[in-house]
Amino acid sequence: MSWMATFVPDTVYLRGKGAAVRKPPRPEVSLCRGCLVDVIEPELAAFRGRVVAFEPDYDAASQYFFVSSSDFTAAGFTADFSAVIEKRLRQPAASCESCERSGRRATWLWLDRAAVASLDDVAHVESAPGLHLCASHGAAAFCRSLKSVDEANLLYLNLPYGDAGAYVWI
């Protein structure tokens, strides 16, 4: 297969060790792109917390995962990167930019590759406008990104947990 992902829905890796964020954690599974999207899109749309999501460089990414803001340090985020993400998560919620009906609260900030090419570029992470999306449209943007690449081998992808956090890639 030219596209696959190891989906570990309820685990986050902190200080190199897996930690369950749901009890009991669901098992890991390898999925093709179509099956992965079918499984995760409703789960992402149901998440009620805040999300800053960075579209990965699929040519370089081997992992694409969510880290709750309470776990940023344990996940190895630098102090500068953590501070910028925390600041973005605390910004007042805008209205969803994709909803036809106005007033639906945006809980996602989607930052595509054109806006933030590298997570090391903290200045762009801080200043990129991104798209403010409700959970449904955030999930759709996330899944549309997954569908946009013909080849990928993601060794780790999980689901959001906690109250707020970020989807990052390495």
N, C-alpha and C. Protein backbone atom coordinates (compact mmCIF):
# COMPACT_ATOMS: atom_id res chain seq x y z
N MET A 1 0.84 -1.19 0.00
CA MET A 1 0.00 0.00 0.00
C MET A 1 0.88 1.24 0.00
N SER A 2 0.44 2.26 -0.67
CA SER A 2 1.19 3.51 -0.72
C SER A 2 0.75 4.49 0.38
N TRP A 3 -0.31 4.14 1.09
CA TRP A 3 -0.81 5.03 2.15
C TRP A 3 -1.27 4.18 3.32
N MET A 4 -0.69 4.43 4.48
CA MET A 4 -1.15 3.75 5.69
C MET A 4 -0.79 4.57 6.92
N ALA A 5 -1.52 4.30 7.98
CA ALA A 5 -1.26 4.97 9.26
C ALA A 5 -1.50 3.99 10.39
N THR A 6 -0.68 4.07 11.40
CA THR A 6 -0.92 3.32 12.62
C THR A 6 -1.71 4.25 13.54
N PHE A 7 -2.95 3.88 13.75
CA PHE A 7 -3.88 4.69 14.54
C PHE A 7 -3.87 4.16 15.97
N VAL A 8 -3.43 5.02 16.89
CA VAL A 8 -3.36 4.69 18.31
C VAL A 8 -4.26 5.71 19.00
N PRO A 9 -5.57 5.48 18.97
CA PRO A 9 -6.52 6.55 19.31
C PRO A 9 -6.37 7.17 20.69
N ASP A 10 -6.03 6.37 21.69
CA ASP A 10 -6.11 6.85 23.07
C ASP A 10 -4.76 6.87 23.78
N THR A 11 -3.69 7.07 23.04
CA THR A 11 -2.35 7.07 23.63
C THR A 11 -1.59 8.31 23.19
N VAL A 12 -0.86 8.89 24.14
CA VAL A 12 0.07 9.97 23.84
C VAL A 12 1.42 9.53 24.37
N TYR A 13 2.47 9.87 23.64
CA TYR A 13 3.82 9.50 24.07
C TYR A 13 4.47 10.70 24.76
N LEU A 14 4.79 10.49 26.03
CA LEU A 14 5.38 11.53 26.87
C LEU A 14 6.69 10.99 27.44
N ARG A 15 7.75 11.75 27.24
CA ARG A 15 9.07 11.32 27.67
C ARG A 15 9.40 9.92 27.15
N GLY A 16 8.96 9.64 25.92
CA GLY A 16 9.27 8.39 25.26
C GLY A 16 8.42 7.19 25.65
N LYS A 17 7.44 7.40 26.52
CA LYS A 17 6.60 6.29 26.97
C LYS A 17 5.14 6.58 26.67
N GLY A 18 4.43 5.54 26.25
CA GLY A 18 3.01 5.68 25.98
C GLY A 18 2.21 5.88 27.25
N ALA A 19 1.27 6.80 27.21
CA ALA A 19 0.37 7.06 28.33
C ALA A 19 -1.06 7.02 27.81
N ALA A 20 -1.89 6.23 28.44
CA ALA A 20 -3.30 6.13 28.04
C ALA A 20 -4.03 7.39 28.47
N VAL A 21 -4.82 7.95 27.56
CA VAL A 21 -5.61 9.14 27.87
C VAL A 21 -7.09 8.78 27.98
N ARG A 22 -7.40 7.51 27.81
CA ARG A 22 -8.76 6.99 27.96
C ARG A 22 -8.63 5.60 28.56
N LYS A 23 -9.52 5.28 29.50
CA LYS A 23 -9.49 3.98 30.14
C LYS A 23 -10.77 3.22 29.81
N PRO A 24 -10.69 2.02 29.33
CA PRO A 24 -9.47 1.42 28.81
C PRO A 24 -9.16 1.99 27.43
N PRO A 25 -7.88 2.02 27.08
CA PRO A 25 -7.53 2.54 25.75
C PRO A 25 -7.94 1.55 24.65
N ARG A 26 -8.39 2.10 23.55
CA ARG A 26 -8.70 1.24 22.41
C ARG A 26 -7.38 0.78 21.79
N PRO A 27 -7.39 -0.38 21.14
CA PRO A 27 -6.14 -0.91 20.58
C PRO A 27 -5.67 -0.12 19.36
N GLU A 28 -4.37 -0.23 19.09
CA GLU A 28 -3.83 0.38 17.88
C GLU A 28 -4.18 -0.50 16.69
N VAL A 29 -4.27 0.14 15.53
CA VAL A 29 -4.61 -0.57 14.31
C VAL A 29 -3.96 0.14 13.13
N SER A 30 -3.55 -0.61 12.13
CA SER A 30 -3.03 -0.02 10.89
C SER A 30 -4.18 0.12 9.91
N LEU A 31 -4.32 1.32 9.35
CA LEU A 31 -5.44 1.61 8.46
C LEU A 31 -4.98 2.26 7.17
N CYS A 32 -5.70 1.97 6.10
CA CYS A 32 -5.50 2.71 4.86
C CYS A 32 -6.15 4.09 5.03
N ARG A 33 -5.91 4.96 4.10
CA ARG A 33 -6.42 6.33 4.20
C ARG A 33 -7.94 6.39 4.30
N GLY A 34 -8.63 5.65 3.44
CA GLY A 34 -10.09 5.69 3.46
C GLY A 34 -10.68 5.23 4.79
N CYS A 35 -10.16 4.13 5.31
CA CYS A 35 -10.66 3.62 6.59
C CYS A 35 -10.32 4.57 7.74
N LEU A 36 -9.12 5.14 7.70
CA LEU A 36 -8.72 6.08 8.74
C LEU A 36 -9.66 7.28 8.77
N VAL A 37 -9.90 7.86 7.63
CA VAL A 37 -10.78 9.03 7.55
C VAL A 37 -12.18 8.67 8.04
N ASP A 38 -12.69 7.50 7.65
CA ASP A 38 -14.01 7.07 8.09
C ASP A 38 -14.10 6.95 9.61
N VAL A 39 -13.01 6.53 10.23
CA VAL A 39 -13.00 6.34 11.69
C VAL A 39 -12.80 7.66 12.42
N ILE A 40 -11.85 8.48 11.96
CA ILE A 40 -11.49 9.65 12.78
C ILE A 40 -12.36 10.88 12.56
N GLU A 41 -12.92 11.06 11.39
CA GLU A 41 -13.66 12.30 11.16
C GLU A 41 -14.79 12.50 12.16
N PRO A 42 -15.64 11.49 12.43
CA PRO A 42 -16.69 11.73 13.43
C PRO A 42 -16.14 11.97 14.84
N GLU A 43 -15.04 11.32 15.17
CA GLU A 43 -14.43 11.52 16.50
C GLU A 43 -13.87 12.93 16.64
N LEU A 44 -13.18 13.41 15.59
CA LEU A 44 -12.65 14.77 15.62
C LEU A 44 -13.78 15.79 15.71
N ALA A 45 -14.85 15.57 14.96
CA ALA A 45 -15.98 16.50 14.96
C ALA A 45 -16.69 16.53 16.31
N ALA A 46 -16.60 15.44 17.07
CA ALA A 46 -17.25 15.36 18.38
C ALA A 46 -16.41 15.97 19.50
N PHE A 47 -15.13 16.23 19.25
CA PHE A 47 -14.26 16.80 20.29
C PHE A 47 -14.68 18.23 20.59
N ARG A 48 -14.93 18.55 21.83
CA ARG A 48 -15.44 19.86 22.21
C ARG A 48 -14.36 20.82 22.71
N GLY A 49 -13.12 20.37 22.77
CA GLY A 49 -12.04 21.23 23.22
C GLY A 49 -11.50 22.11 22.11
N ARG A 50 -10.50 22.91 22.44
CA ARG A 50 -9.84 23.80 21.48
C ARG A 50 -8.67 23.06 20.84
N VAL A 51 -8.44 23.32 19.56
CA VAL A 51 -7.38 22.65 18.80
C VAL A 51 -6.64 23.66 17.92
N VAL A 52 -5.33 23.62 17.98
CA VAL A 52 -4.48 24.26 16.98
C VAL A 52 -3.89 23.11 16.18
N ALA A 53 -4.19 23.05 14.90
CA ALA A 53 -3.75 21.92 14.07
C ALA A 53 -2.85 22.41 12.94
N PHE A 54 -1.68 21.81 12.86
CA PHE A 54 -0.71 22.13 11.82
C PHE A 54 -0.77 21.05 10.75
N GLU A 55 -0.96 21.47 9.51
CA GLU A 55 -0.92 20.51 8.42
C GLU A 55 0.52 20.03 8.25
N PRO A 56 0.73 18.71 8.23
CA PRO A 56 2.11 18.22 8.16
C PRO A 56 2.71 18.27 6.77
N ASP A 57 4.02 18.18 6.75
CA ASP A 57 4.76 17.94 5.52
C ASP A 57 4.79 16.42 5.37
N TYR A 58 3.89 15.88 4.58
CA TYR A 58 3.75 14.43 4.49
C TYR A 58 4.99 13.76 3.92
N ASP A 59 5.81 14.48 3.17
CA ASP A 59 7.04 13.90 2.66
C ASP A 59 8.04 13.64 3.79
N ALA A 60 7.96 14.41 4.85
CA ALA A 60 8.91 14.29 5.95
C ALA A 60 8.30 13.71 7.22
N ALA A 61 6.99 13.76 7.35
CA ALA A 61 6.33 13.37 8.60
C ALA A 61 6.26 11.85 8.74
N SER A 62 6.60 11.38 9.93
CA SER A 62 6.39 9.97 10.25
C SER A 62 5.34 9.82 11.35
N GLN A 63 5.03 10.93 12.02
CA GLN A 63 4.03 10.91 13.08
C GLN A 63 3.22 12.21 13.00
N TYR A 64 1.92 12.10 13.30
CA TYR A 64 1.02 13.25 13.31
C TYR A 64 0.11 13.03 14.50
N PHE A 65 0.29 13.82 15.55
CA PHE A 65 -0.36 13.47 16.81
C PHE A 65 -0.81 14.71 17.58
N PHE A 66 -1.77 14.47 18.47
CA PHE A 66 -2.33 15.52 19.32
C PHE A 66 -1.66 15.44 20.69
N VAL A 67 -1.35 16.61 21.23
CA VAL A 67 -0.83 16.73 22.58
C VAL A 67 -1.66 17.77 23.32
N SER A 68 -2.21 17.39 24.46
CA SER A 68 -2.96 18.33 25.30
C SER A 68 -2.00 19.39 25.83
N SER A 69 -2.50 20.59 26.02
CA SER A 69 -1.64 21.68 26.51
C SER A 69 -1.00 21.33 27.85
N SER A 70 -1.66 20.53 28.66
CA SER A 70 -1.08 20.15 29.95
C SER A 70 0.13 19.22 29.79
N ASP A 71 0.31 18.64 28.60
CA ASP A 71 1.41 17.71 28.35
C ASP A 71 2.50 18.28 27.43
N PHE A 72 2.45 19.56 27.10
CA PHE A 72 3.41 20.12 26.16
C PHE A 72 4.86 19.88 26.60
N THR A 73 5.17 20.15 27.84
CA THR A 73 6.54 19.98 28.33
C THR A 73 6.96 18.51 28.28
N ALA A 74 6.10 17.64 28.77
CA ALA A 74 6.42 16.20 28.79
C ALA A 74 6.54 15.62 27.39
N ALA A 75 5.89 16.25 26.41
CA ALA A 75 5.98 15.79 25.02
C ALA A 75 7.23 16.33 24.33
N GLY A 76 7.96 17.21 25.00
CA GLY A 76 9.21 17.73 24.44
C GLY A 76 9.09 19.03 23.68
N PHE A 77 7.96 19.72 23.80
CA PHE A 77 7.82 21.02 23.15
C PHE A 77 8.78 22.00 23.80
N THR A 78 9.36 22.89 22.99
CA THR A 78 10.21 23.93 23.56
C THR A 78 9.34 24.94 24.31
N ALA A 79 9.95 25.69 25.18
CA ALA A 79 9.21 26.70 25.95
C ALA A 79 8.59 27.74 25.02
N ASP A 80 9.33 28.19 24.01
CA ASP A 80 8.82 29.19 23.07
C ASP A 80 7.62 28.67 22.29
N PHE A 81 7.75 27.45 21.76
CA PHE A 81 6.67 26.85 20.98
C PHE A 81 5.43 26.66 21.87
N SER A 82 5.61 26.14 23.07
CA SER A 82 4.50 25.94 24.00
C SER A 82 3.80 27.25 24.31
N ALA A 83 4.57 28.30 24.57
CA ALA A 83 3.99 29.60 24.92
C ALA A 83 3.14 30.15 23.77
N VAL A 84 3.63 30.01 22.55
CA VAL A 84 2.89 30.51 21.39
C VAL A 84 1.59 29.71 21.20
N ILE A 85 1.66 28.42 21.34
CA ILE A 85 0.46 27.60 21.18
C ILE A 85 -0.54 27.93 22.29
N GLU A 86 -0.07 28.05 23.52
CA GLU A 86 -0.95 28.42 24.63
C GLU A 86 -1.63 29.76 24.35
N LYS A 87 -0.87 30.70 23.85
CA LYS A 87 -1.43 32.02 23.52
C LYS A 87 -2.52 31.88 22.47
N ARG A 88 -2.28 31.07 21.43
CA ARG A 88 -3.28 30.88 20.37
C ARG A 88 -4.52 30.18 20.93
N LEU A 89 -4.34 29.24 21.83
CA LEU A 89 -5.48 28.53 22.42
C LEU A 89 -6.32 29.44 23.32
N ARG A 90 -5.70 30.44 23.92
CA ARG A 90 -6.42 31.37 24.81
C ARG A 90 -7.13 32.49 24.07
N GLN A 91 -6.84 32.66 22.79
CA GLN A 91 -7.50 33.74 22.05
C GLN A 91 -9.00 33.53 22.05
N PRO A 92 -9.75 34.62 22.11
CA PRO A 92 -11.22 34.48 22.10
C PRO A 92 -11.68 33.73 20.85
N ALA A 93 -12.66 32.88 21.06
CA ALA A 93 -13.19 32.09 19.95
C ALA A 93 -13.90 32.99 18.94
N ALA A 94 -13.52 32.82 17.71
CA ALA A 94 -14.17 33.54 16.61
C ALA A 94 -15.34 32.69 16.12
N SER A 95 -16.04 33.19 15.14
CA SER A 95 -17.07 32.38 14.48
C SER A 95 -16.39 31.52 13.42
N CYS A 96 -16.98 30.37 13.15
CA CYS A 96 -16.44 29.47 12.14
C CYS A 96 -16.46 30.16 10.78
N GLU A 97 -15.34 30.12 10.09
CA GLU A 97 -15.22 30.76 8.78
C GLU A 97 -15.87 29.95 7.66
N SER A 98 -16.26 28.70 7.93
CA SER A 98 -16.85 27.86 6.90
C SER A 98 -18.34 27.62 7.07
N CYS A 99 -18.88 27.97 8.20
CA CYS A 99 -20.31 27.73 8.44
C CYS A 99 -21.16 28.72 7.64
N GLU A 100 -22.20 28.20 7.05
CA GLU A 100 -23.13 29.07 6.32
C GLU A 100 -23.95 29.91 7.30
N ARG A 101 -24.26 29.28 8.44
CA ARG A 101 -24.97 30.04 9.48
C ARG A 101 -23.95 30.71 10.37
N SER A 102 -24.07 31.98 10.55
CA SER A 102 -23.10 32.69 11.39
C SER A 102 -23.34 32.38 12.86
N GLY A 103 -22.32 32.61 13.64
CA GLY A 103 -22.45 32.46 15.07
C GLY A 103 -21.98 31.12 15.61
N ARG A 104 -21.68 30.14 14.76
CA ARG A 104 -21.18 28.87 15.26
C ARG A 104 -19.73 29.08 15.70
N ARG A 105 -19.45 28.72 16.93
CA ARG A 105 -18.15 29.00 17.56
C ARG A 105 -17.03 28.16 16.95
N ALA A 106 -15.92 28.82 16.64
CA ALA A 106 -14.73 28.14 16.13
C ALA A 106 -13.93 27.60 17.31
N THR A 107 -13.66 26.31 17.30
CA THR A 107 -12.83 25.69 18.33
C THR A 107 -11.50 25.21 17.76
N TRP A 108 -11.38 25.22 16.44
CA TRP A 108 -10.16 24.81 15.77
C TRP A 108 -9.49 26.01 15.11
N LEU A 109 -8.17 26.01 15.14
CA LEU A 109 -7.37 26.91 14.32
C LEU A 109 -6.55 26.01 13.41
N TRP A 110 -6.88 25.99 12.12
CA TRP A 110 -6.21 25.15 11.14
C TRP A 110 -5.12 25.98 10.45
N LEU A 111 -3.88 25.51 10.55
CA LEU A 111 -2.75 26.19 9.94
C LEU A 111 -2.18 25.29 8.85
N ASP A 112 -2.42 25.66 7.59
CA ASP A 112 -1.96 24.81 6.50
C ASP A 112 -0.46 25.01 6.24
N ARG A 113 0.09 24.16 5.40
CA ARG A 113 1.53 24.17 5.11
C ARG A 113 1.99 25.49 4.53
N ALA A 114 1.16 26.15 3.77
CA ALA A 114 1.55 27.44 3.20
C ALA A 114 1.74 28.49 4.30
N ALA A 115 0.97 28.39 5.36
CA ALA A 115 1.05 29.36 6.46
C ALA A 115 2.21 29.06 7.41
N VAL A 116 2.42 27.78 7.71
CA VAL A 116 3.47 27.37 8.64
C VAL A 116 4.18 26.15 8.04
N ALA A 117 5.30 26.41 7.41
CA ALA A 117 6.04 25.32 6.75
C ALA A 117 6.87 24.50 7.72
N SER A 118 7.26 25.12 8.85
CA SER A 118 8.10 24.43 9.82
C SER A 118 7.63 24.79 11.23
N LEU A 119 7.53 23.80 12.08
CA LEU A 119 7.14 24.06 13.47
C LEU A 119 8.26 24.74 14.25
N ASP A 120 9.45 24.76 13.69
CA ASP A 120 10.57 25.47 14.32
C ASP A 120 10.49 26.97 14.12
N ASP A 121 9.65 27.41 13.19
CA ASP A 121 9.50 28.83 12.89
C ASP A 121 8.42 29.42 13.80
N VAL A 122 8.79 29.67 15.04
CA VAL A 122 7.84 30.13 16.05
C VAL A 122 7.18 31.44 15.66
N ALA A 123 7.91 32.30 14.96
CA ALA A 123 7.33 33.58 14.53
C ALA A 123 6.13 33.35 13.61
N HIS A 124 6.24 32.41 12.67
CA HIS A 124 5.10 32.12 11.79
C HIS A 124 3.99 31.39 12.54
N VAL A 125 4.36 30.53 13.48
CA VAL A 125 3.34 29.85 14.30
C VAL A 125 2.51 30.90 15.04
N GLU A 126 3.18 31.94 15.52
CA GLU A 126 2.49 32.99 16.27
C GLU A 126 1.66 33.91 15.38
N SER A 127 2.15 34.21 14.17
CA SER A 127 1.50 35.24 13.37
C SER A 127 0.59 34.73 12.25
N ALA A 128 0.69 33.48 11.87
CA ALA A 128 -0.13 32.98 10.76
C ALA A 128 -1.61 33.08 11.12
N PRO A 129 -2.42 33.64 10.22
CA PRO A 129 -3.84 33.81 10.57
C PRO A 129 -4.59 32.49 10.67
N GLY A 130 -4.31 31.54 9.82
CA GLY A 130 -5.00 30.26 9.85
C GLY A 130 -6.48 30.40 9.58
N LEU A 131 -7.18 29.29 9.65
CA LEU A 131 -8.63 29.27 9.49
C LEU A 131 -9.26 28.93 10.83
N HIS A 132 -10.22 29.74 11.24
CA HIS A 132 -10.97 29.50 12.46
C HIS A 132 -12.20 28.67 12.09
N LEU A 133 -12.26 27.45 12.63
CA LEU A 133 -13.29 26.50 12.22
C LEU A 133 -13.99 25.88 13.42
N CYS A 134 -15.26 25.55 13.23
CA CYS A 134 -15.97 24.77 14.25
C CYS A 134 -15.41 23.35 14.22
N ALA A 135 -15.80 22.53 15.18
CA ALA A 135 -15.28 21.16 15.25
C ALA A 135 -15.58 20.37 13.98
N SER A 136 -16.76 20.51 13.42
CA SER A 136 -17.11 19.77 12.20
C SER A 136 -16.23 20.18 11.03
N HIS A 137 -16.06 21.48 10.84
CA HIS A 137 -15.24 21.95 9.73
C HIS A 137 -13.74 21.75 9.99
N GLY A 138 -13.33 21.79 11.26
CA GLY A 138 -11.94 21.45 11.60
C GLY A 138 -11.64 20.00 11.27
N ALA A 139 -12.56 19.11 11.62
CA ALA A 139 -12.40 17.69 11.29
C ALA A 139 -12.35 17.50 9.78
N ALA A 140 -13.18 18.22 9.07
CA ALA A 140 -13.20 18.10 7.60
C ALA A 140 -11.88 18.59 7.00
N ALA A 141 -11.33 19.70 7.51
CA ALA A 141 -10.05 20.21 7.01
C ALA A 141 -8.94 19.21 7.28
N PHE A 142 -8.93 18.64 8.47
CA PHE A 142 -7.93 17.64 8.86
C PHE A 142 -7.99 16.45 7.90
N CYS A 143 -9.18 15.93 7.67
CA CYS A 143 -9.35 14.76 6.81
C CYS A 143 -9.10 15.08 5.34
N ARG A 144 -9.47 16.28 4.92
CA ARG A 144 -9.18 16.71 3.55
C ARG A 144 -7.66 16.74 3.32
N SER A 145 -6.92 17.16 4.32
CA SER A 145 -5.46 17.16 4.23
C SER A 145 -4.94 15.73 4.08
N LEU A 146 -5.46 14.81 4.89
CA LEU A 146 -5.03 13.41 4.78
C LEU A 146 -5.32 12.86 3.38
N LYS A 147 -6.46 13.23 2.84
CA LYS A 147 -6.86 12.73 1.52
C LYS A 147 -6.06 13.37 0.39
N SER A 148 -5.38 14.48 0.66
CA SER A 148 -4.71 15.23 -0.40
C SER A 148 -3.38 14.62 -0.85
N VAL A 149 -2.88 13.65 -0.11
CA VAL A 149 -1.58 13.06 -0.46
C VAL A 149 -1.77 11.61 -0.90
N ASP A 150 -1.04 11.25 -1.94
CA ASP A 150 -1.15 9.89 -2.48
C ASP A 150 -0.34 8.87 -1.71
N GLU A 151 0.75 9.31 -1.08
CA GLU A 151 1.60 8.38 -0.35
C GLU A 151 1.90 8.93 1.04
N ALA A 152 1.76 8.05 2.03
CA ALA A 152 2.10 8.41 3.41
C ALA A 152 2.30 7.14 4.20
N ASN A 153 3.15 7.23 5.20
CA ASN A 153 3.34 6.13 6.13
C ASN A 153 3.49 6.75 7.51
N LEU A 154 2.35 6.98 8.15
CA LEU A 154 2.34 7.59 9.48
C LEU A 154 2.42 6.48 10.52
N LEU A 155 3.46 6.51 11.32
CA LEU A 155 3.68 5.46 12.31
C LEU A 155 2.88 5.69 13.59
N TYR A 156 2.30 6.88 13.73
CA TYR A 156 1.56 7.19 14.95
C TYR A 156 0.61 8.35 14.69
N LEU A 157 -0.65 8.13 14.94
CA LEU A 157 -1.69 9.15 14.85
C LEU A 157 -2.69 8.86 15.96
N ASN A 158 -3.04 9.86 16.73
CA ASN A 158 -3.99 9.67 17.83
C ASN A 158 -5.15 10.65 17.73
N LEU A 159 -6.02 10.62 18.74
CA LEU A 159 -7.18 11.52 18.80
C LEU A 159 -6.97 12.57 19.89
N PRO A 160 -7.67 13.70 19.79
CA PRO A 160 -7.56 14.73 20.82
C PRO A 160 -8.09 14.25 22.17
N TYR A 161 -7.58 14.85 23.22
CA TYR A 161 -8.00 14.54 24.59
C TYR A 161 -7.81 15.81 25.42
N GLY A 162 -8.36 15.83 26.60
CA GLY A 162 -8.23 17.00 27.46
C GLY A 162 -9.12 18.14 26.99
N ASP A 163 -8.78 19.36 27.42
CA ASP A 163 -9.58 20.54 27.10
C ASP A 163 -9.07 21.30 25.88
N ALA A 164 -7.77 21.20 25.60
CA ALA A 164 -7.19 21.97 24.51
C ALA A 164 -5.79 21.43 24.23
N GLY A 165 -5.36 21.64 22.98
CA GLY A 165 -4.00 21.20 22.63
C GLY A 165 -3.73 21.42 21.16
N ALA A 166 -2.72 20.72 20.67
CA ALA A 166 -2.24 20.93 19.30
C ALA A 166 -1.98 19.62 18.59
N TYR A 167 -2.30 19.60 17.30
CA TYR A 167 -1.88 18.52 16.40
C TYR A 167 -0.58 18.97 15.77
N VAL A 168 0.47 18.20 15.99
CA VAL A 168 1.80 18.50 15.47
C VAL A 168 2.32 17.28 14.70
N TRP A 169 3.40 17.48 14.00
CA TRP A 169 3.99 16.38 13.24
C TRP A 169 5.51 16.38 13.43
N ILE A 170 6.06 15.19 13.32
CA ILE A 170 7.51 15.05 13.30
C ILE A 170 7.88 14.03 12.25
